[in-house]
PDB file of N, CA and C in Angstrom:
ATOM      1  N   MET A   1      -0.883   3.743  -5.793  1.00  0.00           N
ATOM      2  CA  MET A   1      -0.081   3.447  -6.890  1.00  0.00           C
ATOM      3  C   MET A   1       0.384   1.974  -6.852  1.00  0.00           C
ATOM      4  N   LEU A   2       0.787   1.651  -5.580  1.00  0.00           N
ATOM      5  CA  LEU A   2       1.346   0.204  -5.379  1.00  0.00           C
ATOM      6  C   LEU A   2       0.320  -0.789  -5.740  1.00  0.00           C
ATOM      7  N   TRP A   3      -1.006  -0.612  -5.332  1.00  0.00           N
ATOM      8  CA  TRP A   3      -1.871  -1.557  -5.491  1.00  0.00           C
ATOM      9  C   TRP A   3      -2.158  -1.652  -7.056  1.00  0.00           C
ATOM     10  N   SER A   4      -2.127  -0.585  -7.756  1.00  0.00           N
ATOM     11  CA  SER A   4      -2.309  -0.705  -9.287  1.00  0.00           C
ATOM     12  C   SER A   4      -1.281  -1.585  -9.825  1.00  0.00           C
ATOM     13  N   ILE A   5       0.031  -1.273  -9.379  1.00  0.00           N
ATOM     14  CA  ILE A   5       1.164  -1.970  -9.919  1.00  0.00           C
ATOM     15  C   ILE A   5       0.968  -3.545  -9.601  1.00  0.00           C
ATOM     16  N   MET A   6       0.510  -3.805  -8.373  1.00  0.00           N
ATOM     17  CA  MET A   6       0.285  -5.171  -7.896  1.00  0.00           C
ATOM     18  C   MET A   6      -0.727  -5.874  -8.916  1.00  0.00           C
ATOM     19  N   ARG A   7      -1.703  -5.190  -9.289  1.00  0.00           N
ATOM     20  CA  ARG A   7      -2.702  -5.719 -10.115  1.00  0.00           C
ATOM     21  C   ARG A   7      -2.468  -5.542 -11.611  1.00  0.00           C
ATOM     22  N   ASN A   8      -1.237  -5.017 -11.966  1.00  0.00           N
ATOM     23  CA  ASN A   8      -0.928  -4.770 -13.390  1.00  0.00           C
ATOM     24  C   ASN A   8      -1.989  -3.980 -14.155  1.00  0.00           C
ATOM     25  N   GLU A   9      -2.408  -2.828 -13.411  1.00  0.00           N
ATOM     26  CA  GLU A   9      -3.396  -1.979 -13.889  1.00  0.00           C
ATOM     27  C   GLU A   9      -2.872  -0.581 -13.977  1.00  0.00           C
ATOM     28  N   GLN A  10      -3.435   0.157 -14.955  1.00  0.00           N
ATOM     29  CA  GLN A  10      -3.144   1.608 -15.054  1.00  0.00           C
ATOM     30  C   GLN A  10      -3.721   2.281 -13.834  1.00  0.00           C
ATOM     31  N   TRP A  11      -2.895   3.243 -13.233  1.00  0.00           N
ATOM     32  CA  TRP A  11      -3.364   4.055 -12.087  1.00  0.00           C
ATOM     33  C   TRP A  11      -4.573   4.816 -12.525  1.00  0.00           C
ATOM     34  N   ASP A  12      -5.544   4.746 -11.535  1.00  0.00           N
ATOM     35  CA  ASP A  12      -6.764   5.638 -11.688  1.00  0.00           C
ATOM     36  C   ASP A  12      -7.146   6.131 -10.375  1.00  0.00           C
ATOM     37  N   VAL A  13      -7.316   7.425 -10.285  1.00  0.00           N
ATOM     38  CA  VAL A  13      -7.604   8.084  -9.061  1.00  0.00           C
ATOM     39  C   VAL A  13      -8.903   7.571  -8.402  1.00  0.00           C
ATOM     40  N   LYS A  14      -9.794   7.047  -9.114  1.00  0.00           N
ATOM     41  CA  LYS A  14     -11.032   6.436  -8.548  1.00  0.00           C
ATOM     42  C   LYS A  14     -10.766   5.332  -7.609  1.00  0.00           C
ATOM     43  N   LEU A  15      -9.541   4.663  -7.703  1.00  0.00           N
ATOM     44  CA  LEU A  15      -9.090   3.644  -6.819  1.00  0.00           C
ATOM     45  C   LEU A  15      -9.074   4.098  -5.374  1.00  0.00           C
ATOM     46  N   MET A  16      -8.796   5.422  -5.229  1.00  0.00           N
ATOM     47  CA  MET A  16      -8.721   5.916  -3.911  1.00  0.00           C
ATOM     48  C   MET A  16     -10.012   5.878  -3.086  1.00  0.00           C
ATOM     49  N   GLY A  17     -11.174   5.741  -3.788  1.00  0.00           N
ATOM     50  CA  GLY A  17     -12.362   5.595  -3.280  1.00  0.00           C
ATOM     51  C   GLY A  17     -12.518   4.350  -2.389  1.00  0.00           C
ATOM     52  N   LYS A  18     -11.695   3.351  -2.629  1.00  0.00           N
ATOM     53  CA  LYS A  18     -11.750   2.112  -1.852  1.00  0.00           C
ATOM     54  C   LYS A  18     -11.017   2.276  -0.545  1.00  0.00           C
ATOM     55  N   PHE A  19     -10.195   3.279  -0.338  1.00  0.00           N
ATOM     56  CA  PHE A  19      -9.489   3.629   0.900  1.00  0.00           C
ATOM     57  C   PHE A  19     -10.474   4.465   1.810  1.00  0.00           C
ATOM     58  N   LYS A  20     -11.315   3.890   2.692  1.00  0.00           N
ATOM     59  CA  LYS A  20     -12.311   4.605   3.411  1.00  0.00           C
ATOM     60  C   LYS A  20     -11.503   5.495   4.315  1.00  0.00           C
ATOM     61  N   CYS A  21     -11.883   6.869   4.164  1.00  0.00           N
ATOM     62  CA  CYS A  21     -11.382   7.904   5.137  1.00  0.00           C
ATOM     63  C   CYS A  21     -12.051   7.823   6.421  1.00  0.00           C
ATOM     64  N   LEU A  22     -11.303   7.722   7.501  1.00  0.00           N
ATOM     65  CA  LEU A  22     -11.802   7.544   8.870  1.00  0.00           C
ATOM     66  C   LEU A  22     -11.605   8.831   9.673  1.00  0.00           C
ATOM     67  N   LEU A  23     -10.500   9.603   9.274  1.00  0.00           N
ATOM     68  CA  LEU A  23     -10.234  10.879   9.958  1.00  0.00           C
ATOM     69  C   LEU A  23      -9.618  11.782   9.007  1.00  0.00           C
ATOM     70  N   GLN A  24     -10.127  13.145   9.171  1.00  0.00           N
ATOM     71  CA  GLN A  24      -9.468  14.211   8.255  1.00  0.00           C
ATOM     72  C   GLN A  24      -9.467  15.417   9.195  1.00  0.00           C
ATOM     73  N   LYS A  25      -8.251  15.900   9.435  1.00  0.00           N
ATOM     74  CA  LYS A  25      -8.015  17.003  10.340  1.00  0.00           C
ATOM     75  C   LYS A  25      -7.181  18.086   9.576  1.00  0.00           C
ATOM     76  N   ASP A  26      -7.256  19.297  10.148  1.00  0.00           N
ATOM     77  CA  ASP A  26      -6.338  20.398   9.585  1.00  0.00           C
ATOM     78  C   ASP A  26      -6.465  20.555   8.125  1.00  0.00           C
ATOM     79  N   GLU A  27      -7.720  20.691   7.674  1.00  0.00           N
ATOM     80  CA  GLU A  27      -7.966  20.876   6.115  1.00  0.00           C
ATOM     81  C   GLU A  27      -7.296  19.765   5.330  1.00  0.00           C
ATOM     82  N   GLY A  28      -7.283  18.497   5.803  1.00  0.00           N
ATOM     83  CA  GLY A  28      -6.723  17.414   5.060  1.00  0.00           C
ATOM     84  C   GLY A  28      -5.311  17.211   5.244  1.00  0.00           C
ATOM     85  N   LYS A  29      -4.627  17.896   6.125  1.00  0.00           N
ATOM     86  CA  LYS A  29      -3.198  17.723   6.294  1.00  0.00           C
ATOM     87  C   LYS A  29      -2.913  16.469   7.212  1.00  0.00           C
ATOM     88  N   ARG A  30      -3.882  16.059   7.889  1.00  0.00           N
ATOM     89  CA  ARG A  30      -3.840  14.780   8.758  1.00  0.00           C
ATOM     90  C   ARG A  30      -4.942  13.907   8.382  1.00  0.00           C
ATOM     91  N   LEU A  31      -4.675  12.719   7.899  1.00  0.00           N
ATOM     92  CA  LEU A  31      -5.655  11.742   7.315  1.00  0.00           C
ATOM     93  C   LEU A  31      -5.421  10.327   7.910  1.00  0.00           C
ATOM     94  N   ILE A  32      -6.500   9.591   8.161  1.00  0.00           N
ATOM     95  CA  ILE A  32      -6.300   8.243   8.438  1.00  0.00           C
ATOM     96  C   ILE A  32      -7.307   7.477   7.542  1.00  0.00           C
ATOM     97  N   HIS A  33      -6.839   6.470   6.768  1.00  0.00           N
ATOM     98  CA  HIS A  33      -7.691   5.732   5.854  1.00  0.00           C
ATOM     99  C   HIS A  33      -7.531   4.176   6.165  1.00  0.00           C
ATOM    100  N   SER A  34      -8.529   3.444   5.927  1.00  0.00           N
ATOM    101  CA  SER A  34      -8.372   2.022   6.141  1.00  0.00           C
ATOM    102  C   SER A  34      -7.955   1.455   4.750  1.00  0.00           C
ATOM    103  N   LEU A  35      -7.085   0.516   4.865  1.00  0.00           N
ATOM    104  CA  LEU A  35      -6.580  -0.287   3.689  1.00  0.00           C
ATOM    105  C   LEU A  35      -7.691  -1.208   3.224  1.00  0.00           C
ATOM    106  N   PRO A  36      -7.955  -1.187   1.952  1.00  0.00           N
ATOM    107  CA  PRO A  36      -9.064  -2.133   1.582  1.00  0.00           C
ATOM    108  C   PRO A  36      -8.696  -3.531   1.828  1.00  0.00           C
ATOM    109  N   ALA A  37      -9.683  -4.344   2.300  1.00  0.00           N
ATOM    110  CA  ALA A  37      -9.465  -5.677   2.818  1.00  0.00           C
ATOM    111  C   ALA A  37      -8.807  -6.523   1.623  1.00  0.00           C
ATOM    112  N   ASP A  38      -9.414  -6.292   0.379  1.00  0.00           N
ATOM    113  CA  ASP A  38      -8.813  -7.155  -0.731  1.00  0.00           C
ATOM    114  C   ASP A  38      -7.433  -6.804  -1.035  1.00  0.00           C
ATOM    115  N   MET A  39      -7.041  -5.584  -0.756  1.00  0.00           N
ATOM    116  CA  MET A  39      -5.548  -5.242  -0.987  1.00  0.00           C
ATOM    117  C   MET A  39      -4.749  -5.879   0.107  1.00  0.00           C
ATOM    118  N   ALA A  40      -5.230  -5.837   1.386  1.00  0.00           N
ATOM    119  CA  ALA A  40      -4.582  -6.513   2.454  1.00  0.00           C
ATOM    120  C   ALA A  40      -4.328  -7.969   2.224  1.00  0.00           C
ATOM    121  N   VAL A  41      -5.351  -8.648   1.700  1.00  0.00           N
ATOM    122  CA  VAL A  41      -5.129 -10.128   1.396  1.00  0.00           C
ATOM    123  C   VAL A  41      -4.141 -10.270   0.284  1.00  0.00           C
ATOM    124  N   GLU A  42      -4.276  -9.483  -0.751  1.00  0.00           N
ATOM    125  CA  GLU A  42      -3.316  -9.649  -1.905  1.00  0.00           C
ATOM    126  C   GLU A  42      -1.914  -9.332  -1.449  1.00  0.00           C
ATOM    127  N   MET A  43      -1.686  -8.325  -0.608  1.00  0.00           N
ATOM    128  CA  MET A  43      -0.325  -8.021  -0.134  1.00  0.00           C
ATOM    129  C   MET A  43       0.134  -9.235   0.645  1.00  0.00           C
ATOM    130  N   SER A  44      -0.735  -9.822   1.529  1.00  0.00           N
ATOM    131  CA  SER A  44      -0.155 -10.840   2.523  1.00  0.00           C
ATOM    132  C   SER A  44       0.197 -12.037   1.683  1.00  0.00           C
ATOM    133  N   ARG A  45      -0.155 -12.164   0.444  1.00  0.00           N
ATOM    134  CA  ARG A  45       0.079 -13.409  -0.291  1.00  0.00           C
ATOM    135  C   ARG A  45       1.297 -13.190  -1.308  1.00  0.00           C
ATOM    136  N   LEU A  46       1.913 -11.979  -1.264  1.00  0.00           N
ATOM    137  CA  LEU A  46       3.061 -11.821  -2.199  1.00  0.00           C
ATOM    138  C   LEU A  46       4.214 -12.644  -1.896  1.00  0.00           C
ATOM    139  N   THR A  47       4.865 -13.203  -3.035  1.00  0.00           N
ATOM    140  CA  THR A  47       5.995 -13.990  -2.858  1.00  0.00           C
ATOM    141  C   THR A  47       7.194 -13.162  -2.916  1.00  0.00           C
ATOM    142  N   SER A  48       8.413 -13.685  -2.645  1.00  0.00           N
ATOM    143  CA  SER A  48       9.722 -12.909  -2.616  1.00  0.00           C
ATOM    144  C   SER A  48       9.892 -12.427  -3.984  1.00  0.00           C
ATOM    145  N   ASP A  49       9.667 -13.251  -5.097  1.00  0.00           N
ATOM    146  CA  ASP A  49       9.921 -12.791  -6.525  1.00  0.00           C
ATOM    147  C   ASP A  49       8.950 -11.607  -6.833  1.00  0.00           C
ATOM    148  N   GLN A  50       7.686 -11.737  -6.395  1.00  0.00           N
ATOM    149  CA  GLN A  50       6.866 -10.667  -6.646  1.00  0.00           C
ATOM    150  C   GLN A  50       7.231  -9.335  -5.947  1.00  0.00           C
ATOM    151  N   ILE A  51       7.733  -9.507  -4.739  1.00  0.00           N
ATOM    152  CA  ILE A  51       8.169  -8.320  -3.988  1.00  0.00           C
ATOM    153  C   ILE A  51       9.338  -7.650  -4.664  1.00  0.00           C
ATOM    154  N   ILE A  52      10.213  -8.455  -5.154  1.00  0.00           N
ATOM    155  CA  ILE A  52      11.365  -7.811  -5.905  1.00  0.00           C
ATOM    156  C   ILE A  52      10.876  -7.097  -7.101  1.00  0.00           C
ATOM    157  N   ASP A  53      10.047  -7.711  -7.903  1.00  0.00           N
ATOM    158  CA  ASP A  53       9.514  -7.088  -9.105  1.00  0.00           C
ATOM    159  C   ASP A  53       8.686  -5.807  -8.792  1.00  0.00           C
ATOM    160  N   LEU A  54       7.822  -5.866  -7.822  1.00  0.00           N
ATOM    161  CA  LEU A  54       7.093  -4.738  -7.417  1.00  0.00           C
ATOM    162  C   LEU A  54       7.944  -3.546  -6.947  1.00  0.00           C
ATOM    163  N   SER A  55       9.043  -3.899  -6.168  1.00  0.00           N
ATOM    164  CA  SER A  55       9.950  -2.967  -5.666  1.00  0.00           C
ATOM    165  C   SER A  55      10.612  -2.036  -6.772  1.00  0.00           C
ATOM    166  N   SER A  56      11.066  -2.627  -7.857  1.00  0.00           N
ATOM    167  CA  SER A  56      11.699  -1.884  -8.817  1.00  0.00           C
ATOM    168  C   SER A  56      10.662  -1.033  -9.635  1.00  0.00           C
ATOM    169  N   GLN A  57       9.407  -1.622  -9.750  1.00  0.00           N
ATOM    170  CA  GLN A  57       8.431  -0.764 -10.472  1.00  0.00           C
ATOM    171  C   GLN A  57       7.999   0.392  -9.615  1.00  0.00           C
ATOM    172  N   TRP A  58       7.653   0.109  -8.294  1.00  0.00           N
ATOM    173  CA  TRP A  58       7.152   1.136  -7.452  1.00  0.00           C
ATOM    174  C   TRP A  58       8.166   2.139  -7.214  1.00  0.00           C
ATOM    175  N   ALA A  59       9.417   1.799  -7.030  1.00  0.00           N
ATOM    176  CA  ALA A  59      10.514   2.739  -6.867  1.00  0.00           C
ATOM    177  C   ALA A  59      10.662   3.766  -7.985  1.00  0.00           C
ATOM    178  N   ALA A  60      10.485   3.287  -9.207  1.00  0.00           N
ATOM    179  CA  ALA A  60      10.622   4.042 -10.434  1.00  0.00           C
ATOM    180  C   ALA A  60       9.440   5.024 -10.656  1.00  0.00           C
ATOM    181  N   THR A  61       8.502   5.015  -9.921  1.00  0.00           N
ATOM    182  CA  THR A  61       7.292   5.934 -10.063  1.00  0.00           C
ATOM    183  C   THR A  61       7.761   7.393  -9.724  1.00  0.00           C
ATOM    184  N   GLU A  62       7.141   8.300 -10.300  1.00  0.00           N
ATOM    185  CA  GLU A  62       7.455   9.715  -9.975  1.00  0.00           C
ATOM    186  C   GLU A  62       7.200   9.993  -8.481  1.00  0.00           C
ATOM    187  N   GLU A  63       6.231   9.493  -7.943  1.00  0.00           N
ATOM    188  CA  GLU A  63       5.958   9.765  -6.503  1.00  0.00           C
ATOM    189  C   GLU A  63       7.021   9.260  -5.532  1.00  0.00           C
ATOM    190  N   LEU A  64       7.603   8.129  -5.858  1.00  0.00           N
ATOM    191  CA  LEU A  64       8.664   7.584  -5.049  1.00  0.00           C
ATOM    192  C   LEU A  64      10.122   8.010  -5.448  1.00  0.00           C
ATOM    193  N   ASN A  65      10.515   7.715  -6.624  1.00  0.00           N
ATOM    194  CA  ASN A  65      11.755   7.981  -7.163  1.00  0.00           C
ATOM    195  C   ASN A  65      12.784   7.666  -6.140  1.00  0.00           C
ATOM    196  N   CYS A  66      12.921   6.448  -5.832  1.00  0.00           N
ATOM    197  CA  CYS A  66      13.901   5.964  -4.768  1.00  0.00           C
ATOM    198  C   CYS A  66      14.595   4.677  -5.290  1.00  0.00           C
ATOM    199  N   PRO A  67      15.605   4.339  -4.530  1.00  0.00           N
ATOM    200  CA  PRO A  67      16.283   3.000  -4.902  1.00  0.00           C
ATOM    201  C   PRO A  67      15.211   1.867  -4.597  1.00  0.00           C
ATOM    202  N   PRO A  68      15.273   0.849  -5.487  1.00  0.00           N
ATOM    203  CA  PRO A  68      14.419  -0.308  -5.287  1.00  0.00           C
ATOM    204  C   PRO A  68      14.475  -0.927  -3.942  1.00  0.00           C
ATOM    205  N   GLU A  69      15.658  -0.933  -3.403  1.00  0.00           N
ATOM    206  CA  GLU A  69      15.877  -1.553  -2.057  1.00  0.00           C
ATOM    207  C   GLU A  69      15.040  -0.886  -1.033  1.00  0.00           C
ATOM    208  N   ALA A  70      14.893   0.466  -1.041  1.00  0.00           N
ATOM    209  CA  ALA A  70      14.116   1.201  -0.068  1.00  0.00           C
ATOM    210  C   ALA A  70      12.651   0.786  -0.276  1.00  0.00           C
ATOM    211  N   ALA A  71      12.139   0.694  -1.510  1.00  0.00           N
ATOM    212  CA  ALA A  71      10.803   0.292  -1.764  1.00  0.00           C
ATOM    213  C   ALA A  71      10.576  -1.122  -1.261  1.00  0.00           C
ATOM    214  N   ARG A  72      11.603  -1.986  -1.530  1.00  0.00           N
ATOM    215  CA  ARG A  72      11.416  -3.462  -1.180  1.00  0.00           C
ATOM    216  C   ARG A  72      11.278  -3.554   0.425  1.00  0.00           C
ATOM    217  N   GLU A  73      12.052  -2.737   1.154  1.00  0.00           N
ATOM    218  CA  GLU A  73      11.885  -2.782   2.572  1.00  0.00           C
ATOM    219  C   GLU A  73      10.487  -2.427   3.013  1.00  0.00           C
ATOM    220  N   VAL A  74       9.943  -1.379   2.417  1.00  0.00           N
ATOM    221  CA  VAL A  74       8.599  -1.027   2.750  1.00  0.00           C
ATOM    222  C   VAL A  74       7.545  -2.038   2.373  1.00  0.00           C
ATOM    223  N   ILE A  75       7.668  -2.646   1.203  1.00  0.00           N
ATOM    224  CA  ILE A  75       6.818  -3.692   0.758  1.00  0.00           C
ATOM    225  C   ILE A  75       6.825  -4.903   1.674  1.00  0.00           C
ATOM    226  N   GLU A  76       8.063  -5.206   2.033  1.00  0.00           N
ATOM    227  CA  GLU A  76       8.249  -6.413   2.997  1.00  0.00           C
ATOM    228  C   GLU A  76       7.553  -6.153   4.297  1.00  0.00           C
ATOM    229  N   ASP A  77       7.695  -4.902   4.801  1.00  0.00           N
ATOM    230  CA  ASP A  77       6.995  -4.528   6.085  1.00  0.00           C
ATOM    231  C   ASP A  77       5.489  -4.697   5.924  1.00  0.00           C
ATOM    232  N   LEU A  78       5.016  -4.111   4.796  1.00  0.00           N
ATOM    233  CA  LEU A  78       3.564  -4.153   4.537  1.00  0.00           C
ATOM    234  C   LEU A  78       3.063  -5.674   4.422  1.00  0.00           C
ATOM    235  N   VAL A  79       3.867  -6.487   3.821  1.00  0.00           N
ATOM    236  CA  VAL A  79       3.530  -7.881   3.676  1.00  0.00           C
ATOM    237  C   VAL A  79       3.375  -8.547   5.107  1.00  0.00           C
ATOM    238  N   ARG A  80       4.352  -8.289   5.922  1.00  0.00           N
ATOM    239  CA  ARG A  80       4.291  -8.768   7.300  1.00  0.00           C
ATOM    240  C   ARG A  80       3.086  -8.190   7.978  1.00  0.00           C
ATOM    241  N   LEU A  81       2.903  -6.926   7.921  1.00  0.00           N
ATOM    242  CA  LEU A  81       1.729  -6.366   8.642  1.00  0.00           C
ATOM    243  C   LEU A  81       0.404  -6.827   8.127  1.00  0.00           C
ATOM    244  N   THR A  82       0.243  -6.872   6.813  1.00  0.00           N
ATOM    245  CA  THR A  82      -0.955  -7.360   6.277  1.00  0.00           C
ATOM    246  C   THR A  82      -1.250  -8.754   6.615  1.00  0.00           C
ATOM    247  N   SER A  83      -0.198  -9.661   6.585  1.00  0.00           N
ATOM    248  CA  SER A  83      -0.307 -11.008   6.974  1.00  0.00           C
ATOM    249  C   SER A  83      -0.846 -11.240   8.397  1.00  0.00           C
ATOM    250  N   ARG A  84      -0.289 -10.443   9.307  1.00  0.00           N
ATOM    251  CA  ARG A  84      -0.725 -10.565  10.751  1.00  0.00           C
ATOM    252  C   ARG A  84      -2.183 -10.050  10.899  1.00  0.00           C
ATOM    253  N   ALA A  85      -2.432  -8.952  10.172  1.00  0.00           N
ATOM    254  CA  ALA A  85      -3.848  -8.416  10.250  1.00  0.00           C
ATOM    255  C   ALA A  85      -4.844  -9.388   9.616  1.00  0.00           C
ATOM    256  N   THR A  86      -4.538 -10.034   8.469  1.00  0.00           N
ATOM    257  CA  THR A  86      -5.436 -10.991   7.925  1.00  0.00           C
ATOM    258  C   THR A  86      -5.617 -12.242   8.684  1.00  0.00           C
ATOM    259  N   GLU A  87      -4.569 -12.703   9.293  1.00  0.00           N
ATOM    260  CA  GLU A  87      -4.636 -13.878  10.194  1.00  0.00           C
ATOM    261  C   GLU A  87      -5.520 -13.629  11.383  1.00  0.00           C
ATOM    262  N   SER A  88      -5.457 -12.433  11.912  1.00  0.00           N
ATOM    263  CA  SER A  88      -6.144 -12.190  13.232  1.00  0.00           C
ATOM    264  C   SER A  88      -7.512 -11.459  12.933  1.00  0.00           C
ATOM    265  N   GLY A  89      -7.855 -11.246  11.696  1.00  0.00           N
ATOM    266  CA  GLY A  89      -9.177 -10.543  11.343  1.00  0.00           C
ATOM    267  C   GLY A  89      -9.202  -9.139  11.651  1.00  0.00           C
ATOM    268  N   ARG A  90      -8.000  -8.452  11.709  1.00  0.00           N
ATOM    269  CA  ARG A  90      -7.924  -7.016  11.947  1.00  0.00           C
ATOM    270  C   ARG A  90      -7.732  -6.330  10.572  1.00  0.00           C
ATOM    271  N   LYS A  91      -7.851  -4.941  10.746  1.00  0.00           N
ATOM    272  CA  LYS A  91      -7.648  -4.166   9.572  1.00  0.00           C
ATOM    273  C   LYS A  91      -6.322  -3.360   9.671  1.00  0.00           C
ATOM    274  N   VAL A  92      -5.889  -2.794   8.508  1.00  0.00           N
ATOM    275  CA  VAL A  92      -4.715  -2.058   8.468  1.00  0.00           C
ATOM    276  C   VAL A  92      -5.090  -0.613   8.166  1.00  0.00           C
ATOM    277  N   TYR A  93      -4.394   0.305   8.720  1.00  0.00           N
ATOM    278  CA  TYR A  93      -4.774   1.775   8.605  1.00  0.00           C
ATOM    279  C   TYR A  93      -3.553   2.442   8.064  1.00  0.00           C
ATOM    280  N   LEU A  94      -3.791   3.493   7.208  1.00  0.00           N
ATOM    281  CA  LEU A  94      -2.846   4.412   6.632  1.00  0.00           C
ATOM    282  C   LEU A  94      -2.961   5.762   7.328  1.00  0.00           C
ATOM    283  N   TRP A  95      -1.863   6.194   7.821  1.00  0.00           N
ATOM    284  CA  TRP A  95      -1.890   7.600   8.480  1.00  0.00           C
ATOM    285  C   TRP A  95      -0.976   8.510   7.586  1.00  0.00           C
ATOM    286  N   ASN A  96      -1.584   9.560   7.085  1.00  0.00           N
ATOM    287  CA  ASN A  96      -0.819  10.620   6.318  1.00  0.00           C
ATOM    288  C   ASN A  96      -0.802  11.899   7.105  1.00  0.00           C
ATOM    289  N   CYS A  97       0.239  12.543   7.040  1.00  0.00           N
ATOM    290  CA  CYS A  97       0.454  13.826   7.631  1.00  0.00           C
ATOM    291  C   CYS A  97       1.478  14.683   6.823  1.00  0.00           C
ATOM    292  N   VAL A  98       0.910  15.780   6.375  1.00  0.00           N
ATOM    293  CA  VAL A  98       1.725  16.767   5.534  1.00  0.00           C
ATOM    294  C   VAL A  98       2.071  17.934   6.314  1.00  0.00           C
TER     295      VAL A  98
END
């Protein structure tokens, strides 16, 4: 959802195909995906103004439904992480556990 908002595009579940699944355990209750390289680069280049704008949009989604400040903190952490990964030639991974 965040990547769709960043690209000013309508959310499409097909976008999930770009997040390569590296591990799936316990009938999908534990997952590890790699963040698409182009998303990492786009995130690493976000400006402060863009982060503020994205925060309010992402926080307002049904999935998050949280204060914009909480979303902003997550985005800022992602920007730092993707910046370091991009600079060092590393990847970013997403771990999901339900």
